[in-house]
Amino acid sequence: MSSRGAQAEQLAARFLQQQGLTLLQQNYRCRHGEIDLILRDGATLVFAEVRLRSRSDFGGAAASIDRAKQQRLIRTAQHYLATLPGTPPCRFDAVLLQSPDGAGIEWLRNAFET
């Protein structure tokens, strides 16, 4: 991961923690892919994808989470959930950053449906 990507993830984790979420794991990896942040929002488990896009060509940060990426995230989340004793309510969020200094953070809850 690039240093810009790591910085963006740290900023996103801090931002979400300031919103009351609890960080459980960062950069969860398995054979299906990677989830940037796994957090708890009350009783809900949140799988968060962090995107840094300084340019808006091609749709910007949100558009970069295409259907193929969503499917990889879902399979990776299923792998993570299989390690838990039960399955809590879950959602997929996206944290979009316009610059590595954290300006213009946008938090999309339920960024896509499974």
PDB file of N, CA and C in Angstrom:
ATOM      1  N   MET A   1       0.852  -1.180   0.000  1.00  0.00           N
ATOM      2  CA  MET A   1       0.000   0.000   0.000  1.00  0.00           C
ATOM      3  C   MET A   1       0.891   1.235   0.000  1.00  0.00           C
ATOM      4  N   SER A   2       0.474   2.233  -0.726  1.00  0.00           N
ATOM      5  CA  SER A   2       1.245   3.470  -0.776  1.00  0.00           C
ATOM      6  C   SER A   2       1.122   4.223   0.544  1.00  0.00           C
ATOM      7  N   SER A   3       2.058   5.112   0.774  1.00  0.00           N
ATOM      8  CA  SER A   3       1.986   5.907   2.009  1.00  0.00           C
ATOM      9  C   SER A   3       0.756   6.814   1.985  1.00  0.00           C
ATOM     10  N   ARG A   4       0.355   7.261   0.789  1.00  0.00           N
ATOM     11  CA  ARG A   4      -0.871   8.076   0.680  1.00  0.00           C
ATOM     12  C   ARG A   4      -2.093   7.247   1.055  1.00  0.00           C
ATOM     13  N   GLY A   5      -2.103   5.988   0.612  1.00  0.00           N
ATOM     14  CA  GLY A   5      -3.210   5.103   0.944  1.00  0.00           C
ATOM     15  C   GLY A   5      -3.273   4.814   2.435  1.00  0.00           C
ATOM     16  N   ALA A   6      -2.117   4.559   3.035  1.00  0.00           N
ATOM     17  CA  ALA A   6      -2.061   4.288   4.482  1.00  0.00           C
ATOM     18  C   ALA A   6      -2.494   5.520   5.268  1.00  0.00           C
ATOM     19  N   GLN A   7      -2.069   6.682   4.819  1.00  0.00           N
ATOM     20  CA  GLN A   7      -2.459   7.937   5.482  1.00  0.00           C
ATOM     21  C   GLN A   7      -3.972   8.143   5.364  1.00  0.00           C
ATOM     22  N   ALA A   8      -4.529   7.861   4.201  1.00  0.00           N
ATOM     23  CA  ALA A   8      -5.973   8.011   3.997  1.00  0.00           C
ATOM     24  C   ALA A   8      -6.738   7.077   4.922  1.00  0.00           C
ATOM     25  N   GLU A   9      -6.257   5.844   5.076  1.00  0.00           N
ATOM     26  CA  GLU A   9      -6.929   4.890   5.963  1.00  0.00           C
ATOM     27  C   GLU A   9      -6.870   5.343   7.416  1.00  0.00           C
ATOM     28  N   GLN A  10      -5.725   5.887   7.825  1.00  0.00           N
ATOM     29  CA  GLN A  10      -5.606   6.396   9.202  1.00  0.00           C
ATOM     30  C   GLN A  10      -6.575   7.552   9.437  1.00  0.00           C
ATOM     31  N   LEU A  11      -6.657   8.456   8.470  1.00  0.00           N
ATOM     32  CA  LEU A  11      -7.585   9.589   8.582  1.00  0.00           C
ATOM     33  C   LEU A  11      -9.029   9.096   8.652  1.00  0.00           C
ATOM     34  N   ALA A  12      -9.363   8.134   7.808  1.00  0.00           N
ATOM     35  CA  ALA A  12     -10.723   7.595   7.792  1.00  0.00           C
ATOM     36  C   ALA A  12     -11.042   6.899   9.112  1.00  0.00           C
ATOM     37  N   ALA A  13     -10.095   6.125   9.637  1.00  0.00           N
ATOM     38  CA  ALA A  13     -10.314   5.433  10.912  1.00  0.00           C
ATOM     39  C   ALA A  13     -10.556   6.443  12.028  1.00  0.00           C
ATOM     40  N   ARG A  14      -9.733   7.470  12.076  1.00  0.00           N
ATOM     41  CA  ARG A  14      -9.920   8.523  13.103  1.00  0.00           C
ATOM     42  C   ARG A  14     -11.269   9.210  12.949  1.00  0.00           C
ATOM     43  N   PHE A  15     -11.626   9.540  11.720  1.00  0.00           N
ATOM     44  CA  PHE A  15     -12.899  10.205  11.453  1.00  0.00           C
ATOM     45  C   PHE A  15     -14.067   9.341  11.939  1.00  0.00           C
ATOM     46  N   LEU A  16     -14.059   8.062  11.593  1.00  0.00           N
ATOM     47  CA  LEU A  16     -15.157   7.186  11.993  1.00  0.00           C
ATOM     48  C   LEU A  16     -15.190   6.988  13.507  1.00  0.00           C
ATOM     49  N   GLN A  17     -14.033   6.925  14.139  1.00  0.00           N
ATOM     50  CA  GLN A  17     -14.001   6.822  15.594  1.00  0.00           C
ATOM     51  C   GLN A  17     -14.562   8.095  16.240  1.00  0.00           C
ATOM     52  N   GLN A  18     -14.304   9.240  15.647  1.00  0.00           N
ATOM     53  CA  GLN A  18     -14.885  10.495  16.151  1.00  0.00           C
ATOM     54  C   GLN A  18     -16.398  10.506  15.994  1.00  0.00           C
ATOM     55  N   GLN A  19     -16.911   9.715  15.055  1.00  0.00           N
ATOM     56  CA  GLN A  19     -18.360   9.615  14.851  1.00  0.00           C
ATOM     57  C   GLN A  19     -18.982   8.579  15.786  1.00  0.00           C
ATOM     58  N   GLY A  20     -18.158   7.943  16.632  1.00  0.00           N
ATOM     59  CA  GLY A  20     -18.668   7.000  17.615  1.00  0.00           C
ATOM     60  C   GLY A  20     -18.483   5.533  17.281  1.00  0.00           C
ATOM     61  N   LEU A  21     -17.857   5.216  16.158  1.00  0.00           N
ATOM     62  CA  LEU A  21     -17.612   3.824  15.808  1.00  0.00           C
ATOM     63  C   LEU A  21     -16.355   3.322  16.510  1.00  0.00           C
ATOM     64  N   THR A  22     -16.282   2.018  16.710  1.00  0.00           N
ATOM     65  CA  THR A  22     -15.132   1.395  17.361  1.00  0.00           C
ATOM     66  C   THR A  22     -14.360   0.595  16.322  1.00  0.00           C
ATOM     67  N   LEU A  23     -13.079   0.893  16.175  1.00  0.00           N
ATOM     68  CA  LEU A  23     -12.243   0.186  15.212  1.00  0.00           C
ATOM     69  C   LEU A  23     -11.906  -1.198  15.761  1.00  0.00           C
ATOM     70  N   LEU A  24     -12.226  -2.240  14.986  1.00  0.00           N
ATOM     71  CA  LEU A  24     -11.921  -3.617  15.382  1.00  0.00           C
ATOM     72  C   LEU A  24     -10.685  -4.150  14.672  1.00  0.00           C
ATOM     73  N   GLN A  25     -10.570  -3.823  13.384  1.00  0.00           N
ATOM     74  CA  GLN A  25      -9.445  -4.338  12.617  1.00  0.00           C
ATOM     75  C   GLN A  25      -9.203  -3.450  11.412  1.00  0.00           C
ATOM     76  N   GLN A  26      -7.928  -3.362  11.037  1.00  0.00           N
ATOM     77  CA  GLN A  26      -7.550  -2.586   9.865  1.00  0.00           C
ATOM     78  C   GLN A  26      -6.821  -3.513   8.900  1.00  0.00           C
ATOM     79  N   ASN A  27      -7.099  -3.379   7.621  1.00  0.00           N
ATOM     80  CA  ASN A  27      -6.463  -4.162   6.558  1.00  0.00           C
ATOM     81  C   ASN A  27      -6.635  -5.671   6.759  1.00  0.00           C
ATOM     82  N   TYR A  28      -7.881  -6.101   6.902  1.00  0.00           N
ATOM     83  CA  TYR A  28      -8.171  -7.534   7.003  1.00  0.00           C
ATOM     84  C   TYR A  28      -7.988  -8.150   5.615  1.00  0.00           C
ATOM     85  N   ARG A  29      -7.123  -9.155   5.538  1.00  0.00           N
ATOM     86  CA  ARG A  29      -6.834  -9.793   4.256  1.00  0.00           C
ATOM     87  C   ARG A  29      -7.147 -11.283   4.306  1.00  0.00           C
ATOM     88  N   CYS A  30      -7.634 -11.775   3.182  1.00  0.00           N
ATOM     89  CA  CYS A  30      -7.791 -13.207   2.979  1.00  0.00           C
ATOM     90  C   CYS A  30      -7.619 -13.450   1.482  1.00  0.00           C
ATOM     91  N   ARG A  31      -7.827 -14.685   1.046  1.00  0.00           N
ATOM     92  CA  ARG A  31      -7.612 -15.015  -0.368  1.00  0.00           C
ATOM     93  C   ARG A  31      -8.567 -14.281  -1.303  1.00  0.00           C
ATOM     94  N   HIS A  32      -9.680 -13.785  -0.770  1.00  0.00           N
ATOM     95  CA  HIS A  32     -10.674 -13.092  -1.607  1.00  0.00           C
ATOM     96  C   HIS A  32     -10.351 -11.622  -1.821  1.00  0.00           C
ATOM     97  N   GLY A  33      -9.615 -11.029  -0.894  1.00  0.00           N
ATOM     98  CA  GLY A  33      -9.316  -9.609  -1.015  1.00  0.00           C
ATOM     99  C   GLY A  33      -8.971  -8.984   0.322  1.00  0.00           C
ATOM    100  N   GLU A  34      -9.221  -7.693   0.419  1.00  0.00           N
ATOM    101  CA  GLU A  34      -8.891  -6.932   1.624  1.00  0.00           C
ATOM    102  C   GLU A  34     -10.030  -5.979   1.964  1.00  0.00           C
ATOM    103  N   ILE A  35     -10.259  -5.833   3.257  1.00  0.00           N
ATOM    104  CA  ILE A  35     -11.191  -4.820   3.752  1.00  0.00           C
ATOM    105  C   ILE A  35     -10.353  -3.823   4.531  1.00  0.00           C
ATOM    106  N   ASP A  36     -10.487  -2.545   4.172  1.00  0.00           N
ATOM    107  CA  ASP A  36      -9.649  -1.512   4.784  1.00  0.00           C
ATOM    108  C   ASP A  36      -9.890  -1.401   6.282  1.00  0.00           C
ATOM    109  N   LEU A  37     -11.153  -1.243   6.676  1.00  0.00           N
ATOM    110  CA  LEU A  37     -11.482  -1.048   8.090  1.00  0.00           C
ATOM    111  C   LEU A  37     -12.688  -1.897   8.462  1.00  0.00           C
ATOM    112  N   ILE A  38     -12.614  -2.533   9.618  1.00  0.00           N
ATOM    113  CA  ILE A  38     -13.768  -3.236  10.180  1.00  0.00           C
ATOM    114  C   ILE A  38     -14.055  -2.570  11.514  1.00  0.00           C
ATOM    115  N   LEU A  39     -15.280  -2.087  11.668  1.00  0.00           N
ATOM    116  CA  LEU A  39     -15.658  -1.316  12.846  1.00  0.00           C
ATOM    117  C   LEU A  39     -16.980  -1.810  13.400  1.00  0.00           C
ATOM    118  N   ARG A  40     -17.286  -1.341  14.591  1.00  0.00           N
ATOM    119  CA  ARG A  40     -18.590  -1.632  15.190  1.00  0.00           C
ATOM    120  C   ARG A  40     -19.299  -0.296  15.378  1.00  0.00           C
ATOM    121  N   ASP A  41     -20.547  -0.257  14.932  1.00  0.00           N
ATOM    122  CA  ASP A  41     -21.414   0.913  15.104  1.00  0.00           C
ATOM    123  C   ASP A  41     -22.623   0.422  15.890  1.00  0.00           C
ATOM    124  N   GLY A  42     -22.545   0.523  17.216  1.00  0.00           N
ATOM    125  CA  GLY A  42     -23.571  -0.069  18.064  1.00  0.00           C
ATOM    126  C   GLY A  42     -23.494  -1.576  17.910  1.00  0.00           C
ATOM    127  N   ALA A  43     -24.607  -2.199  17.539  1.00  0.00           N
ATOM    128  CA  ALA A  43     -24.638  -3.652  17.346  1.00  0.00           C
ATOM    129  C   ALA A  43     -24.255  -4.057  15.926  1.00  0.00           C
ATOM    130  N   THR A  44     -24.032  -3.078  15.052  1.00  0.00           N
ATOM    131  CA  THR A  44     -23.782  -3.347  13.636  1.00  0.00           C
ATOM    132  C   THR A  44     -22.295  -3.422  13.328  1.00  0.00           C
ATOM    133  N   LEU A  45     -21.910  -4.438  12.577  1.00  0.00           N
ATOM    134  CA  LEU A  45     -20.548  -4.582  12.101  1.00  0.00           C
ATOM    135  C   LEU A  45     -20.438  -3.820  10.786  1.00  0.00           C
ATOM    136  N   VAL A  46     -19.442  -2.967  10.674  1.00  0.00           N
ATOM    137  CA  VAL A  46     -19.279  -2.115   9.502  1.00  0.00           C
ATOM    138  C   VAL A  46     -17.989  -2.482   8.776  1.00  0.00           C
ATOM    139  N   PHE A  47     -18.114  -2.806   7.498  1.00  0.00           N
ATOM    140  CA  PHE A  47     -16.968  -3.054   6.635  1.00  0.00           C
ATOM    141  C   PHE A  47     -16.797  -1.784   5.799  1.00  0.00           C
ATOM    142  N   ALA A  48     -15.681  -1.092   5.992  1.00  0.00           N
ATOM    143  CA  ALA A  48     -15.501   0.205   5.336  1.00  0.00           C
ATOM    144  C   ALA A  48     -14.385   0.159   4.301  1.00  0.00           C
ATOM    145  N   GLU A  49     -14.693   0.675   3.135  1.00  0.00           N
ATOM    146  CA  GLU A  49     -13.727   0.831   2.053  1.00  0.00           C
ATOM    147  C   GLU A  49     -13.317   2.300   2.023  1.00  0.00           C
ATOM    148  N   VAL A  50     -12.012   2.548   2.010  1.00  0.00           N
ATOM    149  CA  VAL A  50     -11.485   3.911   1.995  1.00  0.00           C
ATOM    150  C   VAL A  50     -10.953   4.197   0.601  1.00  0.00           C
ATOM    151  N   ARG A  51     -11.373   5.319   0.044  1.00  0.00           N
ATOM    152  CA  ARG A  51     -10.926   5.708  -1.292  1.00  0.00           C
ATOM    153  C   ARG A  51     -10.417   7.143  -1.275  1.00  0.00           C
ATOM    154  N   LEU A  52      -9.227   7.329  -1.822  1.00  0.00           N
ATOM    155  CA  LEU A  52      -8.632   8.645  -1.978  1.00  0.00           C
ATOM    156  C   LEU A  52      -8.554   8.931  -3.463  1.00  0.00           C
ATOM    157  N   ARG A  53      -9.223   9.968  -3.896  1.00  0.00           N
ATOM    158  CA  ARG A  53      -9.200  10.366  -5.305  1.00  0.00           C
ATOM    159  C   ARG A  53      -9.149  11.881  -5.356  1.00  0.00           C
ATOM    160  N   SER A  54      -8.020  12.404  -5.802  1.00  0.00           N
ATOM    161  CA  SER A  54      -7.885  13.855  -5.880  1.00  0.00           C
ATOM    162  C   SER A  54      -8.512  14.413  -7.152  1.00  0.00           C
ATOM    163  N   ARG A  55      -8.801  13.542  -8.116  1.00  0.00           N
ATOM    164  CA  ARG A  55      -9.425  13.986  -9.360  1.00  0.00           C
ATOM    165  C   ARG A  55     -10.794  13.336  -9.493  1.00  0.00           C
ATOM    166  N   SER A  56     -11.685  14.005 -10.156  1.00  0.00           N
ATOM    167  CA  SER A  56     -13.038  13.470 -10.306  1.00  0.00           C
ATOM    168  C   SER A  56     -13.290  12.872 -11.694  1.00  0.00           C
ATOM    169  N   ASP A  57     -12.242  12.771 -12.531  1.00  0.00           N
ATOM    170  CA  ASP A  57     -12.431  12.123 -13.829  1.00  0.00           C
ATOM    171  C   ASP A  57     -12.924  10.695 -13.582  1.00  0.00           C
ATOM    172  N   PHE A  58     -13.635  10.181 -14.476  1.00  0.00           N
ATOM    173  CA  PHE A  58     -14.133   8.806 -14.401  1.00  0.00           C
ATOM    174  C   PHE A  58     -15.026   8.575 -13.188  1.00  0.00           C
ATOM    175  N   GLY A  59     -15.643   9.621 -12.670  1.00  0.00           N
ATOM    176  CA  GLY A  59     -16.607   9.457 -11.590  1.00  0.00           C
ATOM    177  C   GLY A  59     -16.076   9.636 -10.185  1.00  0.00           C
ATOM    178  N   GLY A  60     -14.786   9.811 -10.009  1.00  0.00           N
ATOM    179  CA  GLY A  60     -14.241  10.058  -8.680  1.00  0.00           C
ATOM    180  C   GLY A  60     -14.168   8.808  -7.817  1.00  0.00           C
ATOM    181  N   ALA A  61     -14.025   9.035  -6.516  1.00  0.00           N
ATOM    182  CA  ALA A  61     -13.781   7.949  -5.564  1.00  0.00           C
ATOM    183  C   ALA A  61     -14.931   6.955  -5.480  1.00  0.00           C
ATOM    184  N   ALA A  62     -16.152   7.435  -5.415  1.00  0.00           N
ATOM    185  CA  ALA A  62     -17.297   6.534  -5.258  1.00  0.00           C
ATOM    186  C   ALA A  62     -17.433   5.596  -6.458  1.00  0.00           C
ATOM    187  N   ALA A  63     -17.214   6.113  -7.642  1.00  0.00           N
ATOM    188  CA  ALA A  63     -17.356   5.301  -8.847  1.00  0.00           C
ATOM    189  C   ALA A  63     -16.279   4.223  -8.949  1.00  0.00           C
ATOM    190  N   SER A  64     -15.193   4.384  -8.200  1.00  0.00           N
ATOM    191  CA  SER A  64     -14.113   3.395  -8.266  1.00  0.00           C
ATOM    192  C   SER A  64     -14.464   2.108  -7.512  1.00  0.00           C
ATOM    193  N   ILE A  65     -15.560   2.121  -6.752  1.00  0.00           N
ATOM    194  CA  ILE A  65     -16.011   0.908  -6.068  1.00  0.00           C
ATOM    195  C   ILE A  65     -17.051   0.250  -6.977  1.00  0.00           C
ATOM    196  N   ASP A  66     -16.521  -0.363  -8.027  1.00  0.00           N
ATOM    197  CA  ASP A  66     -17.407  -0.956  -9.034  1.00  0.00           C
ATOM    198  C   ASP A  66     -17.966  -2.299  -8.561  1.00  0.00           C
ATOM    199  N   ARG A  67     -18.772  -2.926  -9.406  1.00  0.00           N
ATOM    200  CA  ARG A  67     -19.445  -4.173  -9.038  1.00  0.00           C
ATOM    201  C   ARG A  67     -18.446  -5.277  -8.692  1.00  0.00           C
ATOM    202  N   ALA A  68     -17.357  -5.370  -9.436  1.00  0.00           N
ATOM    203  CA  ALA A  68     -16.343  -6.398  -9.160  1.00  0.00           C
ATOM    204  C   ALA A  68     -15.711  -6.163  -7.787  1.00  0.00           C
ATOM    205  N   LYS A  69     -15.403  -4.914  -7.472  1.00  0.00           N
ATOM    206  CA  LYS A  69     -14.830  -4.587  -6.157  1.00  0.00           C
ATOM    207  C   LYS A  69     -15.843  -4.904  -5.061  1.00  0.00           C
ATOM    208  N   GLN A  70     -17.105  -4.586  -5.288  1.00  0.00           N
ATOM    209  CA  GLN A  70     -18.140  -4.894  -4.304  1.00  0.00           C
ATOM    210  C   GLN A  70     -18.201  -6.394  -4.033  1.00  0.00           C
ATOM    211  N   GLN A  71     -18.124  -7.200  -5.084  1.00  0.00           N
ATOM    212  CA  GLN A  71     -18.181  -8.654  -4.919  1.00  0.00           C
ATOM    213  C   GLN A  71     -16.979  -9.165  -4.117  1.00  0.00           C
ATOM    214  N   ARG A  72     -15.795  -8.604  -4.369  1.00  0.00           N
ATOM    215  CA  ARG A  72     -14.604  -8.995  -3.584  1.00  0.00           C
ATOM    216  C   ARG A  72     -14.783  -8.614  -2.118  1.00  0.00           C
ATOM    217  N   LEU A  73     -15.330  -7.429  -1.869  1.00  0.00           N
ATOM    218  CA  LEU A  73     -15.568  -6.994  -0.489  1.00  0.00           C
ATOM    219  C   LEU A  73     -16.570  -7.912   0.211  1.00  0.00           C
ATOM    220  N   ILE A  74     -17.609  -8.290  -0.498  1.00  0.00           N
ATOM    221  CA  ILE A  74     -18.630  -9.182   0.083  1.00  0.00           C
ATOM    222  C   ILE A  74     -18.013 -10.535   0.431  1.00  0.00           C
ATOM    223  N   ARG A  75     -17.243 -11.114  -0.473  1.00  0.00           N
ATOM    224  CA  ARG A  75     -16.617 -12.410  -0.208  1.00  0.00           C
ATOM    225  C   ARG A  75     -15.627 -12.319   0.955  1.00  0.00           C
ATOM    226  N   THR A  76     -14.876 -11.223   1.033  1.00  0.00           N
ATOM    227  CA  THR A  76     -13.929 -11.036   2.128  1.00  0.00           C
ATOM    228  C   THR A  76     -14.674 -10.874   3.446  1.00  0.00           C
ATOM    229  N   ALA A  77     -15.772 -10.135   3.435  1.00  0.00           N
ATOM    230  CA  ALA A  77     -16.585  -9.958   4.649  1.00  0.00           C
ATOM    231  C   ALA A  77     -17.168 -11.300   5.091  1.00  0.00           C
ATOM    232  N   GLN A  78     -17.614 -12.115   4.147  1.00  0.00           N
ATOM    233  CA  GLN A  78     -18.144 -13.436   4.496  1.00  0.00           C
ATOM    234  C   GLN A  78     -17.062 -14.294   5.149  1.00  0.00           C
ATOM    235  N   HIS A  79     -15.838 -14.184   4.655  1.00  0.00           N
ATOM    236  CA  HIS A  79     -14.711 -14.913   5.242  1.00  0.00           C
ATOM    237  C   HIS A  79     -14.494 -14.454   6.684  1.00  0.00           C
ATOM    238  N   TYR A  80     -14.529 -13.147   6.913  1.00  0.00           N
ATOM    239  CA  TYR A  80     -14.359 -12.599   8.264  1.00  0.00           C
ATOM    240  C   TYR A  80     -15.500 -13.069   9.171  1.00  0.00           C
ATOM    241  N   LEU A  81     -16.724 -12.990   8.683  1.00  0.00           N
ATOM    242  CA  LEU A  81     -17.891 -13.378   9.485  1.00  0.00           C
ATOM    243  C   LEU A  81     -17.834 -14.851   9.894  1.00  0.00           C
ATOM    244  N   ALA A  82     -17.226 -15.681   9.064  1.00  0.00           N
ATOM    245  CA  ALA A  82     -17.121 -17.108   9.379  1.00  0.00           C
ATOM    246  C   ALA A  82     -16.231 -17.355  10.599  1.00  0.00           C
ATOM    247  N   THR A  83     -15.422 -16.358  10.979  1.00  0.00           N
ATOM    248  CA  THR A  83     -14.549 -16.509  12.151  1.00  0.00           C
ATOM    249  C   THR A  83     -15.262 -16.125  13.448  1.00  0.00           C
ATOM    250  N   LEU A  84     -16.460 -15.570  13.339  1.00  0.00           N
ATOM    251  CA  LEU A  84     -17.195 -15.105  14.515  1.00  0.00           C
ATOM    252  C   LEU A  84     -18.168 -16.176  15.007  1.00  0.00           C
ATOM    253  N   PRO A  85     -18.492 -16.142  16.307  1.00  0.00           N
ATOM    254  CA  PRO A  85     -19.426 -17.135  16.834  1.00  0.00           C
ATOM    255  C   PRO A  85     -20.867 -16.948  16.344  1.00  0.00           C
ATOM    256  N   GLY A  86     -21.221 -15.755  15.960  1.00  0.00           N
ATOM    257  CA  GLY A  86     -22.561 -15.463  15.444  1.00  0.00           C
ATOM    258  C   GLY A  86     -22.454 -14.403  14.369  1.00  0.00           C
ATOM    259  N   THR A  87     -23.539 -14.162  13.664  1.00  0.00           N
ATOM    260  CA  THR A  87     -23.518 -13.157  12.598  1.00  0.00           C
ATOM    261  C   THR A  87     -24.317 -11.931  13.021  1.00  0.00           C
ATOM    262  N   PRO A  88     -23.617 -10.821  13.312  1.00  0.00           N
ATOM    263  CA  PRO A  88     -24.320  -9.591  13.686  1.00  0.00           C
ATOM    264  C   PRO A  88     -24.880  -8.897  12.446  1.00  0.00           C
ATOM    265  N   PRO A  89     -25.737  -7.899  12.649  1.00  0.00           N
ATOM    266  CA  PRO A  89     -26.156  -7.081  11.502  1.00  0.00           C
ATOM    267  C   PRO A  89     -24.904  -6.429  10.897  1.00  0.00           C
ATOM    268  N   CYS A  90     -24.867  -6.316   9.582  1.00  0.00           N
ATOM    269  CA  CYS A  90     -23.688  -5.785   8.890  1.00  0.00           C
ATOM    270  C   CYS A  90     -24.092  -4.757   7.847  1.00  0.00           C
ATOM    271  N   ARG A  91     -23.117  -3.914   7.504  1.00  0.00           N
ATOM    272  CA  ARG A  91     -23.311  -3.006   6.377  1.00  0.00           C
ATOM    273  C   ARG A  91     -21.949  -2.675   5.780  1.00  0.00           C
ATOM    274  N   PHE A  92     -21.985  -2.188   4.546  1.00  0.00           N
ATOM    275  CA  PHE A  92     -20.778  -1.766   3.848  1.00  0.00           C
ATOM    276  C   PHE A  92     -20.825  -0.250   3.688  1.00  0.00           C
ATOM    277  N   ASP A  93     -19.812   0.414   4.227  1.00  0.00           N
ATOM    278  CA  ASP A  93     -19.702   1.865   4.118  1.00  0.00           C
ATOM    279  C   ASP A  93     -18.506   2.203   3.236  1.00  0.00           C
ATOM    280  N   ALA A  94     -18.482   3.430   2.753  1.00  0.00           N
ATOM    281  CA  ALA A  94     -17.324   3.943   2.027  1.00  0.00           C
ATOM    282  C   ALA A  94     -16.954   5.283   2.634  1.00  0.00           C
ATOM    283  N   VAL A  95     -15.661   5.502   2.773  1.00  0.00           N
ATOM    284  CA  VAL A  95     -15.156   6.795   3.213  1.00  0.00           C
ATOM    285  C   VAL A  95     -14.332   7.334   2.054  1.00  0.00           C
ATOM    286  N   LEU A  96     -14.771   8.466   1.537  1.00  0.00           N
ATOM    287  CA  LEU A  96     -14.157   9.059   0.356  1.00  0.00           C
ATOM    288  C   LEU A  96     -13.393  10.303   0.765  1.00  0.00           C
ATOM    289  N   LEU A  97     -12.144  10.386   0.335  1.00  0.00           N
ATOM    290  CA  LEU A  97     -11.311  11.542   0.642  1.00  0.00           C
ATOM    291  C   LEU A  97     -10.862  12.191  -0.655  1.00  0.00           C
ATOM    292  N   GLN A  98     -10.868  13.504  -0.654  1.00  0.00           N
ATOM    293  CA  GLN A  98     -10.429  14.236  -1.842  1.00  0.00           C
ATOM    294  C   GLN A  98      -8.941  14.537  -1.821  1.00  0.00           C
ATOM    295  N   SER A  99      -8.348  14.522  -0.622  1.00  0.00           N
ATOM    296  CA  SER A  99      -6.915  14.788  -0.517  1.00  0.00           C
ATOM    297  C   SER A  99      -6.349  14.050   0.693  1.00  0.00           C
ATOM    298  N   PRO A 100      -5.040  13.780   0.689  1.00  0.00           N
ATOM    299  CA  PRO A 100      -4.443  13.020   1.782  1.00  0.00           C
ATOM    300  C   PRO A 100      -4.383  13.782   3.104  1.00  0.00           C
ATOM    301  N   ASP A 101      -4.757  15.062   3.106  1.00  0.00           N
ATOM    302  CA  ASP A 101      -4.771  15.804   4.376  1.00  0.00           C
ATOM    303  C   ASP A 101      -6.132  15.705   5.070  1.00  0.00           C
ATOM    304  N   GLY A 102      -7.051  14.961   4.478  1.00  0.00           N
ATOM    305  CA  GLY A 102      -8.359  14.741   5.096  1.00  0.00           C
ATOM    306  C   GLY A 102      -9.420  15.744   4.704  1.00  0.00           C
ATOM    307  N   ALA A 103      -9.087  16.688   3.852  1.00  0.00           N
ATOM    308  CA  ALA A 103     -10.085  17.668   3.418  1.00  0.00           C
ATOM    309  C   ALA A 103     -11.146  16.973   2.577  1.00  0.00           C
ATOM    310  N   GLY A 104     -12.372  17.351   2.803  1.00  0.00           N
ATOM    311  CA  GLY A 104     -13.456  16.828   1.990  1.00  0.00           C
ATOM    312  C   GLY A 104     -13.794  15.371   2.248  1.00  0.00           C
ATOM    313  N   ILE A 105     -13.792  14.939   3.516  1.00  0.00           N
ATOM    314  CA  ILE A 105     -14.173  13.557   3.826  1.00  0.00           C
ATOM    315  C   ILE A 105     -15.679  13.398   3.630  1.00  0.00           C
ATOM    316  N   GLU A 106     -16.045  12.340   2.927  1.00  0.00           N
ATOM    317  CA  GLU A 106     -17.454  12.010   2.731  1.00  0.00           C
ATOM    318  C   GLU A 106     -17.667  10.576   3.204  1.00  0.00           C
ATOM    319  N   TRP A 107     -18.646  10.382   4.086  1.00  0.00           N
ATOM    320  CA  TRP A 107     -18.938   9.060   4.637  1.00  0.00           C
ATOM    321  C   TRP A 107     -20.257   8.575   4.065  1.00  0.00           C
ATOM    322  N   LEU A 108     -20.209   7.511   3.312  1.00  0.00           N
ATOM    323  CA  LEU A 108     -21.400   6.922   2.714  1.00  0.00           C
ATOM    324  C   LEU A 108     -21.779   5.672   3.485  1.00  0.00           C
ATOM    325  N   ARG A 109     -22.837   5.766   4.300  1.00  0.00           N
ATOM    326  CA  ARG A 109     -23.337   4.586   5.000  1.00  0.00           C
ATOM    327  C   ARG A 109     -24.125   3.745   4.010  1.00  0.00           C
ATOM    328  N   ASN A 110     -24.050   2.441   4.168  1.00  0.00           N
ATOM    329  CA  ASN A 110     -24.723   1.535   3.219  1.00  0.00           C
ATOM    330  C   ASN A 110     -24.373   1.908   1.786  1.00  0.00           C
ATOM    331  N   ALA A 111     -23.091   1.962   1.511  1.00  0.00           N
ATOM    332  CA  ALA A 111     -22.611   2.388   0.189  1.00  0.00           C
ATOM    333  C   ALA A 111     -23.129   1.491  -0.932  1.00  0.00           C
ATOM    334  N   PHE A 112     -23.367   0.224  -0.602  1.00  0.00           N
ATOM    335  CA  PHE A 112     -23.974  -0.692  -1.558  1.00  0.00           C
ATOM    336  C   PHE A 112     -24.652  -1.812  -0.801  1.00  0.00           C
ATOM    337  N   GLU A 113     -25.613  -2.412  -1.443  1.00  0.00           N
ATOM    338  CA  GLU A 113     -26.375  -3.500  -0.826  1.00  0.00           C
ATOM    339  C   GLU A 113     -25.816  -4.841  -1.267  1.00  0.00           C
ATOM    340  N   THR A 114     -25.942  -5.829  -0.402  1.00  0.00           N
ATOM    341  CA  THR A 114     -25.435  -7.167  -0.744  1.00  0.00           C
ATOM    342  C   THR A 114     -26.534  -7.988  -1.384  1.00  0.00           C
TER     343      THR A 114
END
